[in-house]
Amino acid sequence: MTDIANSIGISKPALYWHFKNKDELFLEVVNYVRAEYLEKLVEISKQESMNAYEKLLQIIGFSYQKTFDDLNICVLPMKMLVEFSNKNDDFGAILRDFYADGIESIKRVLDEGVLAKIFKSNIDTWSFAMCLAGSMDGVLHQCILHKRCNTLEECNEQLFFKSIIESILMNEGRGKDEQ
């Protein structure tokens, strides 16, 4: 808490006036990141100028751009999952909510695509959304580990998410312009 207070230019007692302990401060940071991230996912999902395929690509692009913009904040949920989810019920609940809300946002776009006959009707949209979210976390982890994908362009060129999404298109391999 001393380091935090010093870095933001306030006294330690002033910091404790706002937050009782490190856990409370940490929870507030995670809630802020969650709200900001989910707000953008909702914004993308409501874009009327894009179809569901384009929205999914935008969601993935946004997720990776956010990562490149602030790596430390974006890996926070993964760090929390490893370090705190079994030790602190509040952290576990926030993590579950964070991922559940993100998966639900992706699922809504998938459902939209199924209804619009862009995506195959036989996909389990919740499972696909969960796998997509898990894959995004896993690929992010690997990019960090192997120092790959230093820019969003490199990431888009090297990753397979477009292929994964194309696998559920009604007319496989076709984007919006070809359907």
Protein backbone atom coordinates (compact mmCIF):
# COMPACT_ATOMS: atom_id res chain seq x y z
CA MET A 1 0.00 0.00 0.00
CA THR A 2 2.96 2.29 0.66
CA ASP A 3 4.26 1.81 -2.87
CA ILE A 4 0.82 2.52 -4.31
CA ALA A 5 0.35 5.63 -2.20
CA ASN A 6 3.79 6.92 -3.18
CA SER A 7 3.25 6.26 -6.88
CA ILE A 8 -0.04 8.17 -6.98
CA GLY A 9 1.21 10.97 -4.75
CA ILE A 10 -0.98 10.58 -1.68
CA SER A 11 -0.29 9.54 1.87
CA LYS A 12 -0.79 5.97 2.98
CA PRO A 13 -3.52 7.00 5.48
CA ALA A 14 -5.36 8.79 2.65
CA LEU A 15 -5.25 5.60 0.60
CA TYR A 16 -6.55 3.61 3.56
CA TRP A 17 -9.38 6.13 3.92
CA HIS A 18 -10.64 4.98 0.50
CA PHE A 19 -9.69 1.29 0.75
CA LYS A 20 -9.46 -0.79 3.93
CA ASN A 21 -6.79 -3.10 2.53
CA LYS A 22 -5.02 -4.31 -0.61
CA ASP A 23 -7.75 -6.81 -1.39
CA GLU A 24 -10.40 -4.07 -1.48
CA LEU A 25 -8.21 -1.92 -3.74
CA PHE A 26 -7.51 -4.88 -6.00
CA LEU A 27 -11.22 -5.70 -6.25
CA GLU A 28 -11.95 -2.12 -7.26
CA VAL A 29 -9.33 -2.23 -10.01
CA VAL A 30 -10.72 -5.50 -11.35
CA ASN A 31 -14.28 -4.16 -11.28
CA TYR A 32 -13.14 -1.08 -13.21
CA VAL A 33 -11.38 -3.18 -15.86
CA ARG A 34 -14.38 -5.51 -16.07
CA ALA A 35 -16.83 -2.65 -16.58
CA GLU A 36 -14.66 -0.99 -19.23
CA TYR A 37 -14.08 -4.23 -21.13
CA LEU A 38 -17.69 -5.39 -21.02
CA GLU A 39 -18.98 -1.96 -22.02
CA LYS A 40 -16.95 -2.21 -25.22
CA LEU A 41 -18.17 -5.76 -25.92
CA VAL A 42 -21.76 -4.57 -25.61
CA GLU A 43 -21.01 -1.60 -27.86
CA ILE A 44 -19.57 -3.91 -30.53
CA SER A 45 -22.47 -6.35 -30.24
CA LYS A 46 -24.98 -3.54 -30.87
CA GLN A 47 -23.32 -2.23 -34.04
CA GLU A 48 -26.04 -2.35 -36.67
CA SER A 49 -23.58 -1.76 -39.50
CA MET A 50 -21.89 -5.14 -38.92
CA ASN A 51 -23.12 -8.69 -39.18
CA ALA A 52 -22.40 -11.28 -36.47
CA TYR A 53 -19.28 -12.58 -38.23
CA GLU A 54 -17.79 -9.08 -38.35
CA LYS A 55 -18.78 -8.45 -34.73
CA LEU A 56 -16.92 -11.55 -33.55
CA LEU A 57 -13.83 -10.46 -35.44
CA GLN A 58 -14.18 -7.00 -33.84
CA ILE A 59 -14.53 -8.51 -30.36
CA ILE A 60 -11.36 -10.54 -30.85
CA GLY A 61 -9.55 -7.55 -32.35
CA PHE A 62 -10.63 -5.33 -29.46
CA SER A 63 -9.50 -7.91 -26.92
CA TYR A 64 -6.04 -8.10 -28.40
CA GLN A 65 -5.77 -4.35 -28.95
CA LYS A 66 -6.68 -3.84 -25.28
CA THR A 67 -3.95 -6.30 -24.41
CA PHE A 68 -1.35 -4.47 -26.47
CA ASP A 69 -2.44 -1.14 -25.01
CA ASP A 70 -2.11 -2.32 -21.40
CA LEU A 71 -0.72 -5.80 -20.95
CA ASN A 72 -0.56 -5.65 -17.15
CA ILE A 73 -4.25 -4.86 -16.76
CA CYS A 74 -5.33 -7.47 -19.30
CA VAL A 75 -3.49 -10.36 -17.74
CA LEU A 76 -4.94 -9.45 -14.35
CA PRO A 77 -7.89 -11.88 -14.61
CA MET A 78 -5.55 -14.74 -15.51
CA LYS A 79 -3.22 -13.87 -12.62
CA MET A 80 -6.19 -13.70 -10.27
CA LEU A 81 -7.45 -17.05 -11.47
CA VAL A 82 -4.14 -18.71 -10.65
CA GLU A 83 -3.36 -16.91 -7.42
CA PHE A 84 -6.61 -16.03 -5.70
CA SER A 85 -9.74 -17.76 -6.95
CA ASN A 86 -9.54 -20.64 -4.46
CA LYS A 87 -8.28 -18.49 -1.58
CA ASN A 88 -10.74 -15.60 -1.62
CA ASP A 89 -14.46 -15.96 -2.35
CA ASP A 90 -14.75 -12.34 -3.51
CA PHE A 91 -12.02 -12.81 -6.12
CA GLY A 92 -13.54 -16.09 -7.27
CA ALA A 93 -16.97 -14.48 -7.65
CA ILE A 94 -15.59 -11.51 -9.57
CA LEU A 95 -13.65 -13.82 -11.90
CA ARG A 96 -16.69 -15.99 -12.53
CA ASP A 97 -18.79 -12.89 -13.25
CA PHE A 98 -16.11 -11.35 -15.47
CA TYR A 99 -15.82 -14.43 -17.64
CA ALA A 100 -19.55 -15.22 -17.56
CA ASP A 101 -20.38 -11.71 -18.79
CA GLY A 102 -17.75 -11.88 -21.52
CA ILE A 103 -18.92 -15.31 -22.65
CA GLU A 104 -22.54 -14.12 -22.62
CA SER A 105 -21.62 -11.16 -24.84
CA ILE A 106 -19.98 -13.49 -27.35
CA LYS A 107 -22.92 -15.90 -27.11
CA ARG A 108 -25.39 -13.11 -27.95
CA VAL A 109 -23.45 -12.34 -31.13
CA LEU A 110 -23.36 -16.05 -32.01
CA ASP A 111 -27.12 -16.33 -31.39
CA GLU A 112 -27.65 -13.32 -33.63
CA GLY A 113 -25.61 -15.00 -36.34
CA VAL A 114 -27.58 -18.24 -36.04
CA LEU A 115 -30.88 -16.34 -36.32
CA ALA A 116 -29.60 -14.43 -39.34
CA LYS A 117 -28.47 -17.73 -40.90
CA ILE A 118 -24.87 -16.52 -40.99
CA PHE A 119 -23.78 -19.29 -38.62
CA LYS A 120 -24.79 -22.92 -38.62
CA SER A 121 -27.96 -23.59 -36.66
CA ASN A 122 -26.64 -26.69 -34.91
CA ILE A 123 -23.88 -25.01 -32.91
CA ASP A 124 -24.10 -24.82 -29.15
CA THR A 125 -23.53 -21.07 -28.89
CA TRP A 126 -22.70 -21.07 -25.18
CA SER A 127 -20.09 -23.81 -25.53
CA PHE A 128 -18.61 -22.18 -28.62
CA ALA A 129 -18.45 -18.80 -26.83
CA MET A 130 -16.77 -20.42 -23.83
CA CYS A 131 -14.22 -22.17 -26.04
CA LEU A 132 -13.56 -18.96 -27.95
CA ALA A 133 -13.00 -17.00 -24.71
CA GLY A 134 -10.74 -19.76 -23.36
CA SER A 135 -8.80 -19.88 -26.61
CA MET A 136 -8.30 -16.12 -26.53
CA ASP A 137 -6.88 -16.36 -23.00
CA GLY A 138 -4.69 -19.31 -23.94
CA VAL A 139 -3.32 -17.68 -27.07
CA LEU A 140 -2.67 -14.47 -25.15
CA HIS A 141 -0.76 -16.47 -22.57
CA GLN A 142 1.31 -18.16 -25.28
CA CYS A 143 2.01 -14.87 -27.06
CA ILE A 144 3.33 -13.43 -23.82
CA LEU A 145 5.33 -16.54 -23.02
CA HIS A 146 6.96 -16.75 -26.44
CA LYS A 147 7.16 -12.99 -27.08
CA ARG A 148 5.13 -13.36 -30.26
CA CYS A 149 2.50 -11.08 -31.69
CA ASN A 150 4.03 -7.77 -30.70
CA THR A 151 1.42 -5.83 -32.65
CA LEU A 152 -2.24 -6.34 -33.42
CA GLU A 153 -1.39 -6.82 -37.09
CA GLU A 154 1.05 -9.63 -36.27
CA CYS A 155 -1.54 -11.16 -34.01
CA ASN A 156 -4.24 -11.10 -36.70
CA GLU A 157 -1.84 -12.59 -39.25
CA GLN A 158 -0.60 -15.39 -37.00
CA LEU A 159 -3.67 -16.45 -35.10
CA PHE A 160 -6.42 -18.79 -36.12
CA PHE A 161 -9.54 -17.08 -34.78
CA LYS A 162 -10.82 -16.08 -38.20
CA SER A 163 -10.58 -19.72 -39.26
CA ILE A 164 -12.38 -20.86 -36.13
CA ILE A 165 -15.23 -18.44 -36.75
CA GLU A 166 -15.36 -19.34 -40.44
CA SER A 167 -15.87 -22.98 -39.41
CA ILE A 168 -19.37 -22.14 -38.16
CA LEU A 169 -20.44 -20.05 -41.14
CA MET A 170 -23.44 -21.36 -43.06
CA ASN A 171 -21.49 -21.06 -46.30
CA GLU A 172 -18.09 -22.04 -44.93
CA GLY A 173 -15.19 -19.77 -45.78
CA ARG A 174 -17.37 -16.89 -46.89
CA GLY A 175 -17.36 -13.48 -45.36
CA LYS A 176 -20.12 -10.87 -45.49
CA ASP A 177 -19.36 -9.77 -49.06
CA GLU A 178 -19.66 -13.28 -50.46
CA GLN A 179 -22.85 -14.39 -48.70
